[in-house]
Amino acid sequence: LGIGLRDPVVSWGVMISEAQTSLRVAPTLLLFPGAFLIVTVLAFVMLGDAVRDAFDPKGR
């Protein structure tokens, strides 16, 4: 599709993709970006649940 970040831009997805090649040598290169990505996704899920609970009176 051609959408997304270009090569010099650093993102967690790019860091995870590049760390897969050196997983056996340096597993922390994959561990930290993956952990931050998981924590961020879980935080947004919990925020969405809290907003839904606050604005949906029938769900209570």
PDB file of N, CA and C in Angstrom:
ATOM      1  N   LEU A   1       0.802  -1.192   0.000  1.00  0.00           N
ATOM      2  CA  LEU A   1       0.000   0.000   0.000  1.00  0.00           C
ATOM      3  C   LEU A   1       0.848   1.260   0.000  1.00  0.00           C
ATOM      4  N   GLY A   2       2.027   1.173   0.546  1.00  0.00           N
ATOM      5  CA  GLY A   2       2.910   2.333   0.561  1.00  0.00           C
ATOM      6  C   GLY A   2       2.637   3.308   1.687  1.00  0.00           C
ATOM      7  N   ILE A   3       1.788   2.933   2.627  1.00  0.00           N
ATOM      8  CA  ILE A   3       1.553   3.827   3.759  1.00  0.00           C
ATOM      9  C   ILE A   3       2.345   3.312   4.953  1.00  0.00           C
ATOM     10  N   GLY A   4       2.706   4.199   5.815  1.00  0.00           N
ATOM     11  CA  GLY A   4       3.494   3.805   6.979  1.00  0.00           C
ATOM     12  C   GLY A   4       4.738   4.659   7.089  1.00  0.00           C
ATOM     13  N   LEU A   5       5.562   4.302   8.029  1.00  0.00           N
ATOM     14  CA  LEU A   5       6.769   5.073   8.293  1.00  0.00           C
ATOM     15  C   LEU A   5       7.884   4.694   7.336  1.00  0.00           C
ATOM     16  N   ARG A   6       8.665   5.664   6.970  1.00  0.00           N
ATOM     17  CA  ARG A   6       9.819   5.417   6.105  1.00  0.00           C
ATOM     18  C   ARG A   6      11.015   5.011   6.954  1.00  0.00           C
ATOM     19  N   ASP A   7      12.084   4.612   6.342  1.00  0.00           N
ATOM     20  CA  ASP A   7      13.222   3.968   6.989  1.00  0.00           C
ATOM     21  C   ASP A   7      13.898   4.760   8.118  1.00  0.00           C
ATOM     22  N   PRO A   8      14.166   6.050   8.022  1.00  0.00           N
ATOM     23  CA  PRO A   8      14.898   6.687   9.128  1.00  0.00           C
ATOM     24  C   PRO A   8      14.049   6.935  10.382  1.00  0.00           C
ATOM     25  N   VAL A   9      12.754   6.739  10.307  1.00  0.00           N
ATOM     26  CA  VAL A   9      11.884   7.000  11.449  1.00  0.00           C
ATOM     27  C   VAL A   9      11.886   5.791  12.383  1.00  0.00           C
ATOM     28  N   VAL A  10      12.032   6.053  13.676  1.00  0.00           N
ATOM     29  CA  VAL A  10      12.064   4.976  14.667  1.00  0.00           C
ATOM     30  C   VAL A  10      10.662   4.814  15.258  1.00  0.00           C
ATOM     31  N   SER A  11      10.168   3.595  15.247  1.00  0.00           N
ATOM     32  CA  SER A  11       8.898   3.275  15.895  1.00  0.00           C
ATOM     33  C   SER A  11       9.045   1.935  16.588  1.00  0.00           C
ATOM     34  N   TRP A  12       8.104   1.619  17.456  1.00  0.00           N
ATOM     35  CA  TRP A  12       8.191   0.349  18.171  1.00  0.00           C
ATOM     36  C   TRP A  12       8.076  -0.821  17.209  1.00  0.00           C
ATOM     37  N   GLY A  13       7.255  -0.691  16.187  1.00  0.00           N
ATOM     38  CA  GLY A  13       7.121  -1.764  15.205  1.00  0.00           C
ATOM     39  C   GLY A  13       8.405  -1.999  14.433  1.00  0.00           C
ATOM     40  N   VAL A  14       9.074  -0.927  14.034  1.00  0.00           N
ATOM     41  CA  VAL A  14      10.349  -1.047  13.322  1.00  0.00           C
ATOM     42  C   VAL A  14      11.404  -1.645  14.247  1.00  0.00           C
ATOM     43  N   MET A  15      11.424  -1.216  15.507  1.00  0.00           N
ATOM     44  CA  MET A  15      12.396  -1.756  16.458  1.00  0.00           C
ATOM     45  C   MET A  15      12.176  -3.249  16.687  1.00  0.00           C
ATOM     46  N   ILE A  16      10.917  -3.673  16.787  1.00  0.00           N
ATOM     47  CA  ILE A  16      10.614  -5.094  16.976  1.00  0.00           C
ATOM     48  C   ILE A  16      11.007  -5.887  15.741  1.00  0.00           C
ATOM     49  N   SER A  17      10.718  -5.350  14.573  1.00  0.00           N
ATOM     50  CA  SER A  17      11.068  -6.041  13.328  1.00  0.00           C
ATOM     51  C   SER A  17      12.575  -6.208  13.182  1.00  0.00           C
ATOM     52  N   GLU A  18      13.330  -5.174  13.498  1.00  0.00           N
ATOM     53  CA  GLU A  18      14.785  -5.261  13.391  1.00  0.00           C
ATOM     54  C   GLU A  18      15.385  -6.154  14.481  1.00  0.00           C
ATOM     55  N   ALA A  19      14.755  -6.227  15.643  1.00  0.00           N
ATOM     56  CA  ALA A  19      15.285  -7.032  16.744  1.00  0.00           C
ATOM     57  C   ALA A  19      15.066  -8.521  16.528  1.00  0.00           C
ATOM     58  N   GLN A  20      14.150  -8.893  15.650  1.00  0.00           N
ATOM     59  CA  GLN A  20      13.895 -10.307  15.401  1.00  0.00           C
ATOM     60  C   GLN A  20      15.098 -10.998  14.780  1.00  0.00           C
ATOM     61  N   THR A  21      15.914 -10.262  14.051  1.00  0.00           N
ATOM     62  CA  THR A  21      17.082 -10.874  13.419  1.00  0.00           C
ATOM     63  C   THR A  21      18.175 -11.197  14.432  1.00  0.00           C
ATOM     64  N   SER A  22      18.237 -10.458  15.522  1.00  0.00           N
ATOM     65  CA  SER A  22      19.281 -10.694  16.526  1.00  0.00           C
ATOM     66  C   SER A  22      18.694 -11.162  17.853  1.00  0.00           C
ATOM     67  N   LEU A  23      17.645 -11.952  17.795  1.00  0.00           N
ATOM     68  CA  LEU A  23      16.953 -12.386  19.005  1.00  0.00           C
ATOM     69  C   LEU A  23      17.823 -13.274  19.878  1.00  0.00           C
ATOM     70  N   ARG A  24      18.588 -14.167  19.282  1.00  0.00           N
ATOM     71  CA  ARG A  24      19.417 -15.084  20.072  1.00  0.00           C
ATOM     72  C   ARG A  24      20.596 -14.368  20.737  1.00  0.00           C
ATOM     73  N   VAL A  25      21.118 -13.339  20.111  1.00  0.00           N
ATOM     74  CA  VAL A  25      22.288 -12.637  20.641  1.00  0.00           C
ATOM     75  C   VAL A  25      21.890 -11.621  21.711  1.00  0.00           C
ATOM     76  N   ALA A  26      20.865 -10.836  21.438  1.00  0.00           N
ATOM     77  CA  ALA A  26      20.451  -9.773  22.359  1.00  0.00           C
ATOM     78  C   ALA A  26      18.926  -9.751  22.479  1.00  0.00           C
ATOM     79  N   PRO A  27      18.359 -10.594  23.338  1.00  0.00           N
ATOM     80  CA  PRO A  27      16.897 -10.648  23.446  1.00  0.00           C
ATOM     81  C   PRO A  27      16.266  -9.384  24.033  1.00  0.00           C
ATOM     82  N   THR A  28      17.056  -8.566  24.722  1.00  0.00           N
ATOM     83  CA  THR A  28      16.491  -7.340  25.286  1.00  0.00           C
ATOM     84  C   THR A  28      16.116  -6.335  24.203  1.00  0.00           C
ATOM     85  N   LEU A  29      16.711  -6.460  23.024  1.00  0.00           N
ATOM     86  CA  LEU A  29      16.327  -5.575  21.926  1.00  0.00           C
ATOM     87  C   LEU A  29      14.875  -5.799  21.522  1.00  0.00           C
ATOM     88  N   LEU A  30      14.376  -6.990  21.724  1.00  0.00           N
ATOM     89  CA  LEU A  30      12.982  -7.303  21.420  1.00  0.00           C
ATOM     90  C   LEU A  30      12.093  -7.145  22.650  1.00  0.00           C
ATOM     91  N   LEU A  31      12.651  -7.379  23.818  1.00  0.00           N
ATOM     92  CA  LEU A  31      11.868  -7.384  25.050  1.00  0.00           C
ATOM     93  C   LEU A  31      11.293  -6.008  25.383  1.00  0.00           C
ATOM     94  N   PHE A  32      12.120  -4.987  25.394  1.00  0.00           N
ATOM     95  CA  PHE A  32      11.657  -3.676  25.835  1.00  0.00           C
ATOM     96  C   PHE A  32      10.651  -3.023  24.879  1.00  0.00           C
ATOM     97  N   PRO A  33      10.892  -2.979  23.560  1.00  0.00           N
ATOM     98  CA  PRO A  33       9.857  -2.405  22.686  1.00  0.00           C
ATOM     99  C   PRO A  33       8.560  -3.215  22.718  1.00  0.00           C
ATOM    100  N   GLY A  34       8.676  -4.539  22.802  1.00  0.00           N
ATOM    101  CA  GLY A  34       7.478  -5.376  22.881  1.00  0.00           C
ATOM    102  C   GLY A  34       6.697  -5.131  24.157  1.00  0.00           C
ATOM    103  N   ALA A  35       7.400  -5.002  25.270  1.00  0.00           N
ATOM    104  CA  ALA A  35       6.735  -4.746  26.550  1.00  0.00           C
ATOM    105  C   ALA A  35       6.055  -3.382  26.556  1.00  0.00           C
ATOM    106  N   PHE A  36       6.723  -2.367  26.031  1.00  0.00           N
ATOM    107  CA  PHE A  36       6.114  -1.041  25.976  1.00  0.00           C
ATOM    108  C   PHE A  36       4.896  -1.031  25.061  1.00  0.00           C
ATOM    109  N   LEU A  37       4.954  -1.760  23.963  1.00  0.00           N
ATOM    110  CA  LEU A  37       3.815  -1.844  23.054  1.00  0.00           C
ATOM    111  C   LEU A  37       2.633  -2.530  23.735  1.00  0.00           C
ATOM    112  N   ILE A  38       2.889  -3.615  24.441  1.00  0.00           N
ATOM    113  CA  ILE A  38       1.819  -4.330  25.146  1.00  0.00           C
ATOM    114  C   ILE A  38       1.200  -3.458  26.230  1.00  0.00           C
ATOM    115  N   VAL A  39       2.030  -2.771  27.005  1.00  0.00           N
ATOM    116  CA  VAL A  39       1.518  -1.901  28.071  1.00  0.00           C
ATOM    117  C   VAL A  39       0.685  -0.763  27.487  1.00  0.00           C
ATOM    118  N   THR A  40       1.123  -0.185  26.381  1.00  0.00           N
ATOM    119  CA  THR A  40       0.381   0.905  25.756  1.00  0.00           C
ATOM    120  C   THR A  40      -0.971   0.431  25.236  1.00  0.00           C
ATOM    121  N   VAL A  41      -0.998  -0.718  24.577  1.00  0.00           N
ATOM    122  CA  VAL A  41      -2.263  -1.256  24.065  1.00  0.00           C
ATOM    123  C   VAL A  41      -3.216  -1.568  25.212  1.00  0.00           C
ATOM    124  N   LEU A  42      -2.715  -2.188  26.272  1.00  0.00           N
ATOM    125  CA  LEU A  42      -3.570  -2.486  27.423  1.00  0.00           C
ATOM    126  C   LEU A  42      -4.094  -1.211  28.082  1.00  0.00           C
ATOM    127  N   ALA A  43      -3.283  -0.165  28.126  1.00  0.00           N
ATOM    128  CA  ALA A  43      -3.730   1.103  28.704  1.00  0.00           C
ATOM    129  C   ALA A  43      -4.869   1.702  27.887  1.00  0.00           C
ATOM    130  N   PHE A  44      -4.769   1.638  26.551  1.00  0.00           N
ATOM    131  CA  PHE A  44      -5.847   2.161  25.711  1.00  0.00           C
ATOM    132  C   PHE A  44      -7.111   1.313  25.834  1.00  0.00           C
ATOM    133  N   VAL A  45      -6.971   0.016  25.977  1.00  0.00           N
ATOM    134  CA  VAL A  45      -8.136  -0.850  26.172  1.00  0.00           C
ATOM    135  C   VAL A  45      -8.823  -0.517  27.487  1.00  0.00           C
ATOM    136  N   MET A  46      -8.039  -0.348  28.538  1.00  0.00           N
ATOM    137  CA  MET A  46      -8.617  -0.009  29.842  1.00  0.00           C
ATOM    138  C   MET A  46      -9.255   1.376  29.824  1.00  0.00           C
ATOM    139  N   LEU A  47      -8.647   2.321  29.115  1.00  0.00           N
ATOM    140  CA  LEU A  47      -9.227   3.655  28.978  1.00  0.00           C
ATOM    141  C   LEU A  47     -10.554   3.586  28.226  1.00  0.00           C
ATOM    142  N   GLY A  48     -10.601   2.802  27.164  1.00  0.00           N
ATOM    143  CA  GLY A  48     -11.847   2.636  26.418  1.00  0.00           C
ATOM    144  C   GLY A  48     -12.944   2.014  27.260  1.00  0.00           C
ATOM    145  N   ASP A  49     -12.598   1.028  28.075  1.00  0.00           N
ATOM    146  CA  ASP A  49     -13.585   0.422  28.973  1.00  0.00           C
ATOM    147  C   ASP A  49     -14.094   1.430  29.995  1.00  0.00           C
ATOM    148  N   ALA A  50     -13.206   2.247  30.518  1.00  0.00           N
ATOM    149  CA  ALA A  50     -13.610   3.250  31.508  1.00  0.00           C
ATOM    150  C   ALA A  50     -14.523   4.298  30.887  1.00  0.00           C
ATOM    151  N   VAL A  51     -14.215   4.725  29.674  1.00  0.00           N
ATOM    152  CA  VAL A  51     -15.060   5.710  28.991  1.00  0.00           C
ATOM    153  C   VAL A  51     -16.422   5.104  28.684  1.00  0.00           C
ATOM    154  N   ARG A  52     -16.444   3.848  28.227  1.00  0.00           N
ATOM    155  CA  ARG A  52     -17.717   3.185  27.950  1.00  0.00           C
ATOM    156  C   ARG A  52     -18.548   3.059  29.219  1.00  0.00           C
ATOM    157  N   ASP A  53     -17.924   2.674  30.314  1.00  0.00           N
ATOM    158  CA  ASP A  53     -18.645   2.550  31.580  1.00  0.00           C
ATOM    159  C   ASP A  53     -19.183   3.895  32.057  1.00  0.00           C
ATOM    160  N   ALA A  54     -18.449   4.955  31.802  1.00  0.00           N
ATOM    161  CA  ALA A  54     -18.878   6.280  32.242  1.00  0.00           C
ATOM    162  C   ALA A  54     -20.049   6.810  31.420  1.00  0.00           C
ATOM    163  N   PHE A  55     -20.094   6.491  30.123  1.00  0.00           N
ATOM    164  CA  PHE A  55     -21.112   7.060  29.248  1.00  0.00           C
ATOM    165  C   PHE A  55     -22.243   6.101  28.892  1.00  0.00           C
ATOM    166  N   ASP A  56     -22.204   4.867  29.344  1.00  0.00           N
ATOM    167  CA  ASP A  56     -23.246   3.895  29.024  1.00  0.00           C
ATOM    168  C   ASP A  56     -24.002   3.522  30.295  1.00  0.00           C
ATOM    169  N   PRO A  57     -25.128   4.178  30.538  1.00  0.00           N
ATOM    170  CA  PRO A  57     -25.857   3.888  31.776  1.00  0.00           C
ATOM    171  C   PRO A  57     -26.526   2.510  31.770  1.00  0.00           C
ATOM    172  N   LYS A  58     -26.801   1.936  30.612  1.00  0.00           N
ATOM    173  CA  LYS A  58     -27.464   0.633  30.548  1.00  0.00           C
ATOM    174  C   LYS A  58     -26.505  -0.504  30.881  1.00  0.00           C
ATOM    175  N   GLY A  59     -25.221  -0.283  30.757  1.00  0.00           N
ATOM    176  CA  GLY A  59     -24.241  -1.328  31.017  1.00  0.00           C
ATOM    177  C   GLY A  59     -24.023  -1.617  32.490  1.00  0.00           C
ATOM    178  N   ARG A  60     -24.537  -0.776  33.346  1.00  0.00           N
ATOM    179  CA  ARG A  60     -24.306  -0.953  34.790  1.00  0.00           C
ATOM    180  C   ARG A  60     -25.284  -1.889  35.401  1.00  0.00           C
TER     181      ARG A  60
END
